Amino acid sequence: MAKKKKAAAAAGAVTAAKSNPYVQRVIEDDEIRDNVRVAFEAARDAYDRLSSGKSTGKTLTDDKKFHKDLHTAAEALKDAGSSLREGPKKKRRGGFARKLLLLALAGGLAIALSADLRSKVLDALFGAEEEFDYTSTTAPSAAPTAGSAA
């Protein structure tokens, strides 16, 4: 009978955990899990230093590594808590604009670096260049001679 009560209590706890949004965030969010893991490891290291056999008072006041571990644990827990309060971060959808900018940059570079491509683009935009031969319709004037006076 006691086993049935424990199983029912466990099933109730699982159901409550599934419906709790905070538990779901911890399960789904890698950053929160990482912060909790870092906090746990730092707190464990601080506890190990505290129970290493040295005087507790001396460890609390003078041990720099102990202080660093406590500070790390506190910062990681603070970050995890603020991440839980803020809610899930929305993923930015700037993919199209980024791809368009990259395509324009690549096209500009290709045009700048390739003379053949540049001439094709200019011909497509402004029409083909007309090539012509220049022929003068006037006769060249006689050059003045050095001996003639005007």
Foldseek 3Di string as FASTA:
>chain_A
DVVVVVVVVVVVVVVVLVPDVLSVCCVPPPLLVVLQVLLVVLVVVLVCQCPVPDDNVCCVPPPPSNVVSNVSNVVSVVVSVVDSVVDDDDDDDCVVVVVVVVVVVVVVVVLVVDVVVVQVVCCVVPNHDDDDDDDDPDDDDDDDDPPDDD
